[in-house]
Amino acid sequence: LIARTVKIALRRSARQHGDSGAARSGATFIAQLAQVGIYLVALTLYAHIIPSLRHLGTPLLASVGVLSVVLGIAAQHTLGNLAAGVAILLYHPFRVGDQIQVTAPTGLEMGFVESLTLVYTILRTYDNRRIVIPNSLMTTQISINLSAVDARVVASISFTISYRADIDRARAVLLELAAAHPGVLEVIGCPVTELGPSGVRLSLRAWCPTMDATYQGQFDLLEQAKARWPHLVIVLMTAYA
């Protein structure tokens, strides 16, 4: 009952702080740590309440000492994950709700931090997969936090037009389409980046509020550019910076 009360109280405290990523990260981690501590205290008090268990105090203490060494060696990875989780909670390299990019067995993965537990960090990807990463690995690998301070992302969309096309006209059309798109905060420019074998490559660059907006903006601008200028746009390529 005490453990459940502490868990509920921490969740309510996180909501009172605006349900921010830091509050949710701390509430989840501290609630789990507090529950473990409460159960250990309860077992200790239980042993002192029952008279028959009091005489076993010294042998049990010696046994616990030996057992703790054995468990420490056997569970060194788990304890390392626990210590790494405490470090993540203290230094906040990322928080619940942040969008980060990590290296997984499947390659580079991008997702949102769904929860931070005592041992694992769980990411939710765009296709609704869950990536479970040990906390010790999260503190040793290089991760890219895409929303720690500023969630804006620069979208770079490349268009290749023929050498016979009017570059100024193509640039004007692309800038007009980007400026009118609701998911674009600010248009940076559209310079010529390459003179390739199939044509001249233009790179349309613009600020978007989030990574999700860059995906949607990419799809919309590619379709709108093709509909606006069907004969001059030969190859469509995308990239992100």
C-alpha atoms as a PDB file:
ATOM      1  CA  LEU A   1       0.000   0.000   0.000  1.00  0.00           C
ATOM      2  CA  ILE A   2       2.819   2.403   0.852  1.00  0.00           C
ATOM      3  CA  ALA A   3       4.628   1.605  -2.411  1.00  0.00           C
ATOM      4  CA  ARG A   4       1.461   2.169  -4.417  1.00  0.00           C
ATOM      5  CA  THR A   5       0.759   5.429  -2.557  1.00  0.00           C
ATOM      6  CA  VAL A   6       4.271   6.708  -3.320  1.00  0.00           C
ATOM      7  CA  LYS A   7       3.870   5.782  -6.991  1.00  0.00           C
ATOM      8  CA  ILE A   8       0.556   7.638  -7.286  1.00  0.00           C
ATOM      9  CA  ALA A   9       1.924  10.661  -5.423  1.00  0.00           C
ATOM     10  CA  LEU A  10       4.916  10.914  -7.748  1.00  0.00           C
ATOM     11  CA  ARG A  11       2.684  10.698 -10.820  1.00  0.00           C
ATOM     12  CA  ARG A  12       0.470  13.478  -9.490  1.00  0.00           C
ATOM     13  CA  SER A  13       3.532  15.573  -8.735  1.00  0.00           C
ATOM     14  CA  ALA A  14       4.713  15.106 -12.333  1.00  0.00           C
ATOM     15  CA  ARG A  15       1.332  16.272 -13.645  1.00  0.00           C
ATOM     16  CA  GLN A  16       1.465  19.361 -11.420  1.00  0.00           C
ATOM     17  CA  HIS A  17       4.787  20.278 -13.018  1.00  0.00           C
ATOM     18  CA  GLY A  18       3.156  20.365 -16.430  1.00  0.00           C
ATOM     19  CA  ASP A  19       3.824  16.714 -17.263  1.00  0.00           C
ATOM     20  CA  SER A  20       7.179  17.705 -18.753  1.00  0.00           C
ATOM     21  CA  GLY A  21       9.737  15.186 -19.962  1.00  0.00           C
ATOM     22  CA  ALA A  22      11.998  15.773 -16.976  1.00  0.00           C
ATOM     23  CA  ALA A  23       9.132  15.317 -14.509  1.00  0.00           C
ATOM     24  CA  ARG A  24       7.957  12.105 -16.146  1.00  0.00           C
ATOM     25  CA  SER A  25      11.483  10.699 -16.351  1.00  0.00           C
ATOM     26  CA  GLY A  26      12.185  11.444 -12.703  1.00  0.00           C
ATOM     27  CA  ALA A  27       8.779  10.251 -11.496  1.00  0.00           C
ATOM     28  CA  THR A  28       9.041   6.868 -13.240  1.00  0.00           C
ATOM     29  CA  PHE A  29      12.601   6.212 -12.133  1.00  0.00           C
ATOM     30  CA  ILE A  30      12.185   7.395  -8.544  1.00  0.00           C
ATOM     31  CA  ALA A  31       8.886   5.507  -8.161  1.00  0.00           C
ATOM     32  CA  GLN A  32      10.532   2.218  -9.118  1.00  0.00           C
ATOM     33  CA  LEU A  33      13.523   2.892  -6.893  1.00  0.00           C
ATOM     34  CA  ALA A  34      11.265   3.861  -3.984  1.00  0.00           C
ATOM     35  CA  GLN A  35       9.189   0.695  -4.374  1.00  0.00           C
ATOM     36  CA  VAL A  36      12.306  -1.463  -4.133  1.00  0.00           C
ATOM     37  CA  GLY A  37      13.413   0.418  -1.012  1.00  0.00           C
ATOM     38  CA  ILE A  38       9.970   0.151   0.602  1.00  0.00           C
ATOM     39  CA  TYR A  39       9.851  -3.620   0.090  1.00  0.00           C
ATOM     40  CA  LEU A  40      13.326  -4.015   1.579  1.00  0.00           C
ATOM     41  CA  VAL A  41      12.354  -1.960   4.643  1.00  0.00           C
ATOM     42  CA  ALA A  42       9.128  -3.956   4.977  1.00  0.00           C
ATOM     43  CA  LEU A  43      11.020  -7.253   4.944  1.00  0.00           C
ATOM     44  CA  THR A  44      13.473  -5.943   7.553  1.00  0.00           C
ATOM     45  CA  LEU A  45      10.667  -4.810   9.866  1.00  0.00           C
ATOM     46  CA  TYR A  46       8.871  -8.116   9.341  1.00  0.00           C
ATOM     47  CA  ALA A  47      11.979  -9.965  10.504  1.00  0.00           C
ATOM     48  CA  HIS A  48      12.158  -7.845  13.674  1.00  0.00           C
ATOM     49  CA  ILE A  49       8.467  -8.219  14.500  1.00  0.00           C
ATOM     50  CA  ILE A  50       8.464 -12.038  14.533  1.00  0.00           C
ATOM     51  CA  PRO A  51      10.387 -13.270  17.638  1.00  0.00           C
ATOM     52  CA  SER A  52      11.558 -16.505  16.022  1.00  0.00           C
ATOM     53  CA  LEU A  53      13.298 -14.557  13.278  1.00  0.00           C
ATOM     54  CA  ARG A  54      15.236 -12.343  15.724  1.00  0.00           C
ATOM     55  CA  HIS A  55      17.562 -15.191  16.723  1.00  0.00           C
ATOM     56  CA  LEU A  56      18.398 -15.735  13.072  1.00  0.00           C
ATOM     57  CA  GLY A  57      19.610 -12.146  12.677  1.00  0.00           C
ATOM     58  CA  THR A  58      23.365 -12.807  12.883  1.00  0.00           C
ATOM     59  CA  PRO A  59      23.385 -15.933  10.643  1.00  0.00           C
ATOM     60  CA  LEU A  60      21.100 -14.201   8.184  1.00  0.00           C
ATOM     61  CA  LEU A  61      23.343 -11.133   8.151  1.00  0.00           C
ATOM     62  CA  ALA A  62      26.385 -13.266   7.360  1.00  0.00           C
ATOM     63  CA  SER A  63      24.439 -15.148   4.692  1.00  0.00           C
ATOM     64  CA  VAL A  64      23.224 -11.890   3.179  1.00  0.00           C
ATOM     65  CA  GLY A  65      26.805 -10.623   3.028  1.00  0.00           C
ATOM     66  CA  VAL A  66      27.946 -13.699   1.086  1.00  0.00           C
ATOM     67  CA  LEU A  67      24.815 -13.648  -1.049  1.00  0.00           C
ATOM     68  CA  SER A  68      25.278  -9.981  -1.884  1.00  0.00           C
ATOM     69  CA  VAL A  69      28.771 -10.685  -3.223  1.00  0.00           C
ATOM     70  CA  VAL A  70      27.486 -13.555  -5.352  1.00  0.00           C
ATOM     71  CA  LEU A  71      24.556 -11.552  -6.646  1.00  0.00           C
ATOM     72  CA  GLY A  72      26.795  -8.547  -7.299  1.00  0.00           C
ATOM     73  CA  ILE A  73      29.051 -10.639  -9.545  1.00  0.00           C
ATOM     74  CA  ALA A  74      26.130 -12.355 -11.263  1.00  0.00           C
ATOM     75  CA  ALA A  75      24.130  -9.185 -11.751  1.00  0.00           C
ATOM     76  CA  GLN A  76      26.938  -6.760 -12.547  1.00  0.00           C
ATOM     77  CA  HIS A  77      25.345  -5.847 -15.876  1.00  0.00           C
ATOM     78  CA  THR A  78      22.009  -5.140 -14.186  1.00  0.00           C
ATOM     79  CA  LEU A  79      23.692  -3.044 -11.502  1.00  0.00           C
ATOM     80  CA  GLY A  80      25.613  -1.223 -14.216  1.00  0.00           C
ATOM     81  CA  ASN A  81      22.318  -0.443 -15.956  1.00  0.00           C
ATOM     82  CA  LEU A  82      20.906   0.815 -12.663  1.00  0.00           C
ATOM     83  CA  ALA A  83      23.886   3.118 -12.100  1.00  0.00           C
ATOM     84  CA  ALA A  84      23.611   4.328 -15.694  1.00  0.00           C
ATOM     85  CA  GLY A  85      19.920   5.050 -15.154  1.00  0.00           C
ATOM     86  CA  VAL A  86      20.784   7.200 -12.143  1.00  0.00           C
ATOM     87  CA  ALA A  87      23.336   9.083 -14.266  1.00  0.00           C
ATOM     88  CA  ILE A  88      20.742   9.685 -17.005  1.00  0.00           C
ATOM     89  CA  LEU A  89      18.299  10.968 -14.401  1.00  0.00           C
ATOM     90  CA  LEU A  90      20.875  13.338 -12.899  1.00  0.00           C
ATOM     91  CA  TYR A  91      22.444  14.753 -16.062  1.00  0.00           C
ATOM     92  CA  HIS A  92      19.406  14.645 -18.387  1.00  0.00           C
ATOM     93  CA  PRO A  93      21.062  13.896 -21.754  1.00  0.00           C
ATOM     94  CA  PHE A  94      17.516  13.086 -22.832  1.00  0.00           C
ATOM     95  CA  ARG A  95      14.078  13.016 -21.242  1.00  0.00           C
ATOM     96  CA  VAL A  96      10.776  11.268 -21.739  1.00  0.00           C
ATOM     97  CA  GLY A  97       9.223  12.627 -24.916  1.00  0.00           C
ATOM     98  CA  ASP A  98      12.524  13.643 -26.535  1.00  0.00           C
ATOM     99  CA  GLN A  99      13.264  12.450 -30.043  1.00  0.00           C
ATOM    100  CA  ILE A 100      16.664  10.785 -30.294  1.00  0.00           C
ATOM    101  CA  GLN A 101      18.682   8.847 -32.850  1.00  0.00           C
ATOM    102  CA  VAL A 102      20.651   5.796 -31.717  1.00  0.00           C
ATOM    103  CA  THR A 103      22.611   2.934 -33.217  1.00  0.00           C
ATOM    104  CA  ALA A 104      20.803  -0.418 -33.040  1.00  0.00           C
ATOM    105  CA  PRO A 105      21.475  -3.867 -34.581  1.00  0.00           C
ATOM    106  CA  THR A 106      19.187  -2.789 -37.439  1.00  0.00           C
ATOM    107  CA  GLY A 107      21.279   0.350 -38.047  1.00  0.00           C
ATOM    108  CA  LEU A 108      20.423   3.942 -37.230  1.00  0.00           C
ATOM    109  CA  GLU A 109      17.065   4.159 -35.489  1.00  0.00           C
ATOM    110  CA  MET A 110      15.067   7.252 -34.603  1.00  0.00           C
ATOM    111  CA  GLY A 111      12.279   7.411 -32.062  1.00  0.00           C
ATOM    112  CA  PHE A 112      10.739   9.093 -29.054  1.00  0.00           C
ATOM    113  CA  VAL A 113      11.747   8.223 -25.481  1.00  0.00           C
ATOM    114  CA  GLU A 114       8.633   6.491 -24.194  1.00  0.00           C
ATOM    115  CA  SER A 115       9.856   5.508 -20.749  1.00  0.00           C
ATOM    116  CA  LEU A 116      12.992   5.406 -18.610  1.00  0.00           C
ATOM    117  CA  THR A 117      13.057   2.480 -16.178  1.00  0.00           C
ATOM    118  CA  LEU A 118      15.634   1.280 -13.669  1.00  0.00           C
ATOM    119  CA  VAL A 119      17.380  -0.890 -16.259  1.00  0.00           C
ATOM    120  CA  TYR A 120      16.115   0.005 -19.734  1.00  0.00           C
ATOM    121  CA  THR A 121      15.301   2.985 -21.942  1.00  0.00           C
ATOM    122  CA  ILE A 122      12.400   2.332 -24.319  1.00  0.00           C
ATOM    123  CA  LEU A 123      12.066   4.192 -27.626  1.00  0.00           C
ATOM    124  CA  ARG A 124       8.943   4.323 -29.807  1.00  0.00           C
ATOM    125  CA  THR A 125       9.712   4.561 -33.514  1.00  0.00           C
ATOM    126  CA  TYR A 126       7.612   6.127 -36.275  1.00  0.00           C
ATOM    127  CA  ASP A 127       6.261   2.720 -37.308  1.00  0.00           C
ATOM    128  CA  ASN A 128       5.197   2.016 -33.689  1.00  0.00           C
ATOM    129  CA  ARG A 129       8.030  -0.383 -32.856  1.00  0.00           C
ATOM    130  CA  ARG A 130       9.605  -0.436 -29.401  1.00  0.00           C
ATOM    131  CA  ILE A 131      13.391  -0.372 -29.096  1.00  0.00           C
ATOM    132  CA  VAL A 132      14.541  -1.555 -25.667  1.00  0.00           C
ATOM    133  CA  ILE A 133      18.075  -0.330 -24.900  1.00  0.00           C
ATOM    134  CA  PRO A 134      19.999  -1.049 -21.672  1.00  0.00           C
ATOM    135  CA  ASN A 135      20.797   2.132 -19.776  1.00  0.00           C
ATOM    136  CA  SER A 136      24.516   1.287 -19.714  1.00  0.00           C
ATOM    137  CA  LEU A 137      24.510   1.264 -23.519  1.00  0.00           C
ATOM    138  CA  MET A 138      22.653   4.581 -23.640  1.00  0.00           C
ATOM    139  CA  THR A 139      25.391   6.219 -21.542  1.00  0.00           C
ATOM    140  CA  THR A 140      28.279   4.808 -23.603  1.00  0.00           C
ATOM    141  CA  GLN A 141      27.086   5.228 -27.191  1.00  0.00           C
ATOM    142  CA  ILE A 142      26.803   8.500 -29.082  1.00  0.00           C
ATOM    143  CA  SER A 143      23.149   9.547 -29.351  1.00  0.00           C
ATOM    144  CA  ILE A 144      21.683  12.487 -31.232  1.00  0.00           C
ATOM    145  CA  ASN A 145      18.981  14.334 -29.317  1.00  0.00           C
ATOM    146  CA  LEU A 146      16.769  16.046 -31.881  1.00  0.00           C
ATOM    147  CA  SER A 147      14.525  17.855 -29.418  1.00  0.00           C
ATOM    148  CA  ALA A 148      16.550  18.587 -26.280  1.00  0.00           C
ATOM    149  CA  VAL A 149      16.648  22.356 -26.785  1.00  0.00           C
ATOM    150  CA  ASP A 150      15.101  23.163 -30.145  1.00  0.00           C
ATOM    151  CA  ALA A 151      12.865  20.711 -32.005  1.00  0.00           C
ATOM    152  CA  ARG A 152      13.208  22.524 -35.337  1.00  0.00           C
ATOM    153  CA  VAL A 153      14.808  20.612 -38.200  1.00  0.00           C
ATOM    154  CA  VAL A 154      16.317  21.792 -41.482  1.00  0.00           C
ATOM    155  CA  ALA A 155      14.743  19.901 -44.378  1.00  0.00           C
ATOM    156  CA  SER A 156      16.820  19.693 -47.557  1.00  0.00           C
ATOM    157  CA  ILE A 157      14.950  18.473 -50.632  1.00  0.00           C
ATOM    158  CA  SER A 158      16.914  18.078 -53.862  1.00  0.00           C
ATOM    159  CA  PHE A 159      15.418  18.505 -57.325  1.00  0.00           C
ATOM    160  CA  THR A 160      17.229  17.750 -60.591  1.00  0.00           C
ATOM    161  CA  ILE A 161      16.097  19.683 -63.665  1.00  0.00           C
ATOM    162  CA  SER A 162      17.324  19.515 -67.257  1.00  0.00           C
ATOM    163  CA  TYR A 163      20.109  21.731 -68.541  1.00  0.00           C
ATOM    164  CA  ARG A 164      17.630  23.381 -70.912  1.00  0.00           C
ATOM    165  CA  ALA A 165      15.372  24.453 -68.027  1.00  0.00           C
ATOM    166  CA  ASP A 166      15.327  27.989 -66.660  1.00  0.00           C
ATOM    167  CA  ILE A 167      17.106  27.780 -63.278  1.00  0.00           C
ATOM    168  CA  ASP A 168      15.696  31.073 -62.001  1.00  0.00           C
ATOM    169  CA  ARG A 169      12.167  30.036 -62.855  1.00  0.00           C
ATOM    170  CA  ALA A 170      12.617  26.616 -61.247  1.00  0.00           C
ATOM    171  CA  ARG A 171      14.029  28.231 -58.106  1.00  0.00           C
ATOM    172  CA  ALA A 172      11.166  30.727 -57.949  1.00  0.00           C
ATOM    173  CA  VAL A 173       8.564  27.942 -58.221  1.00  0.00           C
ATOM    174  CA  LEU A 174      10.185  25.865 -55.487  1.00  0.00           C
ATOM    175  CA  LEU A 175      10.560  28.824 -53.131  1.00  0.00           C
ATOM    176  CA  GLU A 176       6.940  29.791 -53.722  1.00  0.00           C
ATOM    177  CA  LEU A 177       5.706  26.284 -52.955  1.00  0.00           C
ATOM    178  CA  ALA A 178       7.820  26.054 -49.800  1.00  0.00           C
ATOM    179  CA  ALA A 179       6.725  29.477 -48.524  1.00  0.00           C
ATOM    180  CA  ALA A 180       3.059  28.530 -48.960  1.00  0.00           C
ATOM    181  CA  HIS A 181       3.376  25.170 -47.167  1.00  0.00           C
ATOM    182  CA  PRO A 182       1.875  25.223 -43.638  1.00  0.00           C
ATOM    183  CA  GLY A 183       4.586  22.924 -42.268  1.00  0.00           C
ATOM    184  CA  VAL A 184       7.454  25.276 -43.212  1.00  0.00           C
ATOM    185  CA  LEU A 185       8.531  27.870 -40.663  1.00  0.00           C
ATOM    186  CA  GLU A 186      11.135  29.664 -42.745  1.00  0.00           C
ATOM    187  CA  VAL A 187      12.600  29.156 -46.209  1.00  0.00           C
ATOM    188  CA  ILE A 188      16.401  29.293 -46.217  1.00  0.00           C
ATOM    189  CA  GLY A 189      17.090  29.181 -49.943  1.00  0.00           C
ATOM    190  CA  CYS A 190      17.387  27.043 -53.046  1.00  0.00           C
ATOM    191  CA  PRO A 191      20.978  27.084 -54.404  1.00  0.00           C
ATOM    192  CA  VAL A 192      22.491  24.993 -57.197  1.00  0.00           C
ATOM    193  CA  THR A 193      24.432  22.184 -55.515  1.00  0.00           C
ATOM    194  CA  GLU A 194      25.572  19.980 -58.394  1.00  0.00           C
ATOM    195  CA  LEU A 195      25.915  19.797 -62.180  1.00  0.00           C
ATOM    196  CA  GLY A 196      25.196  16.123 -62.635  1.00  0.00           C
ATOM    197  CA  PRO A 197      25.073  13.895 -65.704  1.00  0.00           C
ATOM    198  CA  SER A 198      21.263  14.015 -65.806  1.00  0.00           C
ATOM    199  CA  GLY A 199      20.798  17.714 -65.066  1.00  0.00           C
ATOM    200  CA  VAL A 200      21.233  20.594 -62.653  1.00  0.00           C
ATOM    201  CA  ARG A 201      20.514  19.837 -59.019  1.00  0.00           C
ATOM    202  CA  LEU A 202      18.769  22.396 -56.816  1.00  0.00           C
ATOM    203  CA  SER A 203      18.555  21.975 -53.053  1.00  0.00           C
ATOM    204  CA  LEU A 204      15.485  23.486 -51.418  1.00  0.00           C
ATOM    205  CA  ARG A 205      16.213  24.135 -47.736  1.00  0.00           C
ATOM    206  CA  ALA A 206      13.714  25.222 -45.122  1.00  0.00           C
ATOM    207  CA  TRP A 207      13.141  25.148 -41.367  1.00  0.00           C
ATOM    208  CA  CYS A 208      10.379  22.796 -40.156  1.00  0.00           C
ATOM    209  CA  PRO A 209       8.982  22.651 -36.598  1.00  0.00           C
ATOM    210  CA  THR A 210       9.578  18.908 -36.070  1.00  0.00           C
ATOM    211  CA  MET A 211      10.956  15.863 -37.837  1.00  0.00           C
ATOM    212  CA  ASP A 212       7.392  14.711 -38.514  1.00  0.00           C
ATOM    213  CA  ALA A 213       6.749  17.986 -40.335  1.00  0.00           C
ATOM    214  CA  THR A 214       9.821  17.437 -42.518  1.00  0.00           C
ATOM    215  CA  TYR A 215       8.481  14.081 -43.696  1.00  0.00           C
ATOM    216  CA  GLN A 216       5.078  15.515 -44.529  1.00  0.00           C
ATOM    217  CA  GLY A 217       6.628  18.589 -46.128  1.00  0.00           C
ATOM    218  CA  GLN A 218       8.862  16.400 -48.269  1.00  0.00           C
ATOM    219  CA  PHE A 219       5.948  14.402 -49.620  1.00  0.00           C
ATOM    220  CA  ASP A 220       3.800  17.471 -50.271  1.00  0.00           C
ATOM    221  CA  LEU A 221       6.504  19.541 -51.969  1.00  0.00           C
ATOM    222  CA  LEU A 222       7.601  16.708 -54.221  1.00  0.00           C
ATOM    223  CA  GLU A 223       4.033  16.171 -55.394  1.00  0.00           C
ATOM    224  CA  GLN A 224       3.308  19.879 -55.777  1.00  0.00           C
ATOM    225  CA  ALA A 225       6.537  20.493 -57.708  1.00  0.00           C
ATOM    226  CA  LYS A 226       5.767  17.654 -60.101  1.00  0.00           C
ATOM    227  CA  ALA A 227       2.222  18.938 -60.635  1.00  0.00           C
ATOM    228  CA  ARG A 228       3.386  22.538 -61.069  1.00  0.00           C
ATOM    229  CA  TRP A 229       6.218  21.764 -63.476  1.00  0.00           C
ATOM    230  CA  PRO A 230       5.791  18.219 -64.868  1.00  0.00           C
ATOM    231  CA  HIS A 231       8.202  18.424 -67.806  1.00  0.00           C
ATOM    232  CA  LEU A 232      11.170  20.082 -66.153  1.00  0.00           C
ATOM    233  CA  VAL A 233      11.488  18.051 -62.955  1.00  0.00           C
ATOM    234  CA  ILE A 234      13.345  14.900 -64.017  1.00  0.00           C
ATOM    235  CA  VAL A 235      14.709  13.343 -60.839  1.00  0.00           C
ATOM    236  CA  LEU A 236      13.515  13.923 -57.261  1.00  0.00           C
ATOM    237  CA  MET A 237      15.810  13.158 -54.380  1.00  0.00           C
ATOM    238  CA  THR A 238      15.579  13.944 -50.669  1.00  0.00           C
ATOM    239  CA  ALA A 239      18.018  14.426 -47.837  1.00  0.00           C
ATOM    240  CA  TYR A 240      18.000  15.839 -44.310  1.00  0.00           C
ATOM    241  CA  ALA A 241      20.425  18.016 -42.452  1.00  0.00           C
END
